[in-house]
Amino acid sequence: MKKILVPLFALGGALALQPVLAADGGELYKTKGCPVCHAVDSKLVGPAFKDVAAKYAGQADAAALLAAKIKSGGSGTWGQIPMPPNAVTDEEAKALAAWVLTQK
């Protein structure tokens, strides 16, 4: 019985951690549709992420502000084209925002 329970608990733990492990901003960038409008180092429809990181560098609340914009959308900061809301969880939005702020 113990031989069966140990692997089952290990599998359960791995599955429980999957959302945490998946919250890597670089991977989320690729899977959440961000490349349709954004690139790391050049402007497409939206700003380059290196430009976003430069604009918010040193701002204490930058990660929270960007996470809210990622999740809810916004307009006016980078021009007239609005960014639509994105289908991301709060954790995913925070991971994406943190990742964007590391781009140079």
C-alpha atoms as a PDB file:
ATOM      1  CA  MET A   1       0.000   0.000   0.000  1.00  0.00           C
ATOM      2  CA  LYS A   2       2.826   2.417   0.870  1.00  0.00           C
ATOM      3  CA  LYS A   3       4.408   1.759  -2.527  1.00  0.00           C
ATOM      4  CA  ILE A   4       1.292   3.112  -4.194  1.00  0.00           C
ATOM      5  CA  LEU A   5       0.630   6.052  -1.872  1.00  0.00           C
ATOM      6  CA  VAL A   6       4.073   7.661  -2.118  1.00  0.00           C
ATOM      7  CA  PRO A   7       3.985   8.065  -5.926  1.00  0.00           C
ATOM      8  CA  LEU A   8       0.381   9.256  -5.742  1.00  0.00           C
ATOM      9  CA  PHE A   9       1.305  11.953  -3.215  1.00  0.00           C
ATOM     10  CA  ALA A  10       4.292  12.971  -5.334  1.00  0.00           C
ATOM     11  CA  LEU A  11       2.093  13.223  -8.422  1.00  0.00           C
ATOM     12  CA  GLY A  12      -0.512  15.206  -6.517  1.00  0.00           C
ATOM     13  CA  GLY A  13       2.154  17.612  -5.271  1.00  0.00           C
ATOM     14  CA  ALA A  14       3.529  18.083  -8.775  1.00  0.00           C
ATOM     15  CA  LEU A  15       0.076  18.801 -10.154  1.00  0.00           C
ATOM     16  CA  ALA A  16      -0.647  21.243  -7.351  1.00  0.00           C
ATOM     17  CA  LEU A  17       2.557  23.152  -8.156  1.00  0.00           C
ATOM     18  CA  GLN A  18       1.900  23.282 -11.889  1.00  0.00           C
ATOM     19  CA  PRO A  19       0.251  26.757 -11.849  1.00  0.00           C
ATOM     20  CA  VAL A  20       3.159  28.133  -9.813  1.00  0.00           C
ATOM     21  CA  LEU A  21       5.724  26.627 -12.165  1.00  0.00           C
ATOM     22  CA  ALA A  22       3.784  27.870 -15.193  1.00  0.00           C
ATOM     23  CA  ALA A  23       3.869  31.447 -13.917  1.00  0.00           C
ATOM     24  CA  ASP A  24       7.169  32.206 -15.679  1.00  0.00           C
ATOM     25  CA  GLY A  25       6.712  35.542 -17.444  1.00  0.00           C
ATOM     26  CA  GLY A  26       8.810  34.603 -20.462  1.00  0.00           C
ATOM     27  CA  GLU A  27       6.754  31.503 -21.113  1.00  0.00           C
ATOM     28  CA  LEU A  28       3.482  33.305 -20.441  1.00  0.00           C
ATOM     29  CA  TYR A  29       4.505  35.983 -22.942  1.00  0.00           C
ATOM     30  CA  LYS A  30       4.650  33.309 -25.614  1.00  0.00           C
ATOM     31  CA  THR A  31       1.408  31.543 -24.683  1.00  0.00           C
ATOM     32  CA  LYS A  32      -0.914  34.438 -23.805  1.00  0.00           C
ATOM     33  CA  GLY A  33      -0.877  36.189 -27.176  1.00  0.00           C
ATOM     34  CA  CYS A  34       1.441  39.030 -26.184  1.00  0.00           C
ATOM     35  CA  PRO A  35       3.679  38.662 -29.294  1.00  0.00           C
ATOM     36  CA  VAL A  36       0.746  39.640 -31.514  1.00  0.00           C
ATOM     37  CA  CYS A  37       1.084  43.251 -30.362  1.00  0.00           C
ATOM     38  CA  HIS A  38       4.389  43.440 -28.456  1.00  0.00           C
ATOM     39  CA  ALA A  39       8.040  42.565 -29.021  1.00  0.00           C
ATOM     40  CA  VAL A  40      10.862  42.766 -26.539  1.00  0.00           C
ATOM     41  CA  ASP A  41      12.985  45.249 -28.448  1.00  0.00           C
ATOM     42  CA  SER A  42      10.822  46.876 -31.114  1.00  0.00           C
ATOM     43  CA  LYS A  43       7.448  48.616 -31.284  1.00  0.00           C
ATOM     44  CA  LEU A  44       4.679  46.684 -33.014  1.00  0.00           C
ATOM     45  CA  VAL A  45       1.070  47.644 -32.275  1.00  0.00           C
ATOM     46  CA  GLY A  46       2.053  48.277 -28.665  1.00  0.00           C
ATOM     47  CA  PRO A  47       5.316  49.444 -27.162  1.00  0.00           C
ATOM     48  CA  ALA A  48       8.482  47.360 -26.961  1.00  0.00           C
ATOM     49  CA  PHE A  49       8.860  45.765 -23.553  1.00  0.00           C
ATOM     50  CA  LYS A  50      12.319  47.291 -23.143  1.00  0.00           C
ATOM     51  CA  ASP A  51      10.659  50.714 -23.527  1.00  0.00           C
ATOM     52  CA  VAL A  52       8.012  49.814 -20.943  1.00  0.00           C
ATOM     53  CA  ALA A  53      10.738  48.661 -18.538  1.00  0.00           C
ATOM     54  CA  ALA A  54      12.690  51.890 -19.089  1.00  0.00           C
ATOM     55  CA  LYS A  55       9.611  54.067 -18.542  1.00  0.00           C
ATOM     56  CA  TYR A  56       8.750  52.424 -15.221  1.00  0.00           C
ATOM     57  CA  ALA A  57      12.320  51.850 -13.973  1.00  0.00           C
ATOM     58  CA  GLY A  58      12.632  52.846 -10.345  1.00  0.00           C
ATOM     59  CA  GLN A  59       8.887  53.303  -9.840  1.00  0.00           C
ATOM     60  CA  ALA A  60       7.948  51.472  -6.642  1.00  0.00           C
ATOM     61  CA  ASP A  61       4.468  50.415  -7.752  1.00  0.00           C
ATOM     62  CA  ALA A  62       5.403  49.584 -11.365  1.00  0.00           C
ATOM     63  CA  ALA A  63       4.771  45.826 -11.131  1.00  0.00           C
ATOM     64  CA  ALA A  64       1.314  46.276  -9.618  1.00  0.00           C
ATOM     65  CA  LEU A  65       0.410  49.016 -12.103  1.00  0.00           C
ATOM     66  CA  LEU A  66       1.486  46.914 -15.099  1.00  0.00           C
ATOM     67  CA  ALA A  67      -0.228  43.797 -13.764  1.00  0.00           C
ATOM     68  CA  ALA A  68      -3.490  45.741 -13.519  1.00  0.00           C
ATOM     69  CA  LYS A  69      -3.073  47.065 -17.082  1.00  0.00           C
ATOM     70  CA  ILE A  70      -2.268  43.592 -18.393  1.00  0.00           C
ATOM     71  CA  LYS A  71      -5.378  42.149 -16.795  1.00  0.00           C
ATOM     72  CA  SER A  72      -7.835  45.016 -17.389  1.00  0.00           C
ATOM     73  CA  GLY A  73      -6.417  46.716 -20.472  1.00  0.00           C
ATOM     74  CA  GLY A  74      -5.918  50.420 -20.903  1.00  0.00           C
ATOM     75  CA  SER A  75      -5.312  53.270 -23.313  1.00  0.00           C
ATOM     76  CA  GLY A  76      -3.607  56.616 -23.612  1.00  0.00           C
ATOM     77  CA  THR A  77      -0.246  55.807 -22.034  1.00  0.00           C
ATOM     78  CA  TRP A  78       1.417  54.744 -25.283  1.00  0.00           C
ATOM     79  CA  GLY A  79      -0.842  56.342 -27.860  1.00  0.00           C
ATOM     80  CA  GLN A  80      -4.397  56.066 -29.102  1.00  0.00           C
ATOM     81  CA  ILE A  81      -4.528  52.303 -29.738  1.00  0.00           C
ATOM     82  CA  PRO A  82      -6.060  50.673 -26.647  1.00  0.00           C
ATOM     83  CA  MET A  83      -4.759  47.467 -25.119  1.00  0.00           C
ATOM     84  CA  PRO A  84      -7.668  45.096 -24.570  1.00  0.00           C
ATOM     85  CA  PRO A  85      -8.121  43.165 -21.327  1.00  0.00           C
ATOM     86  CA  ASN A  86      -6.253  39.863 -21.260  1.00  0.00           C
ATOM     87  CA  ALA A  87      -7.545  36.510 -20.076  1.00  0.00           C
ATOM     88  CA  VAL A  88      -4.966  36.013 -17.352  1.00  0.00           C
ATOM     89  CA  THR A  89      -5.158  35.253 -13.659  1.00  0.00           C
ATOM     90  CA  ASP A  90      -3.866  37.721 -11.100  1.00  0.00           C
ATOM     91  CA  GLU A  91      -0.773  35.527 -10.633  1.00  0.00           C
ATOM     92  CA  GLU A  92      -0.127  35.405 -14.378  1.00  0.00           C
ATOM     93  CA  ALA A  93      -0.521  39.174 -14.690  1.00  0.00           C
ATOM     94  CA  LYS A  94       1.976  39.683 -11.847  1.00  0.00           C
ATOM     95  CA  ALA A  95       4.452  37.252 -13.434  1.00  0.00           C
ATOM     96  CA  LEU A  96       4.131  38.957 -16.822  1.00  0.00           C
ATOM     97  CA  ALA A  97       4.573  42.406 -15.274  1.00  0.00           C
ATOM     98  CA  ALA A  98       7.660  41.322 -13.347  1.00  0.00           C
ATOM     99  CA  TRP A  99       9.118  39.810 -16.516  1.00  0.00           C
ATOM    100  CA  VAL A 100       8.401  42.910 -18.611  1.00  0.00           C
ATOM    101  CA  LEU A 101      10.190  45.073 -16.046  1.00  0.00           C
ATOM    102  CA  THR A 102      13.361  42.960 -16.432  1.00  0.00           C
ATOM    103  CA  GLN A 103      13.629  43.560 -20.183  1.00  0.00           C
ATOM    104  CA  LYS A 104      16.477  45.777 -21.357  1.00  0.00           C
END
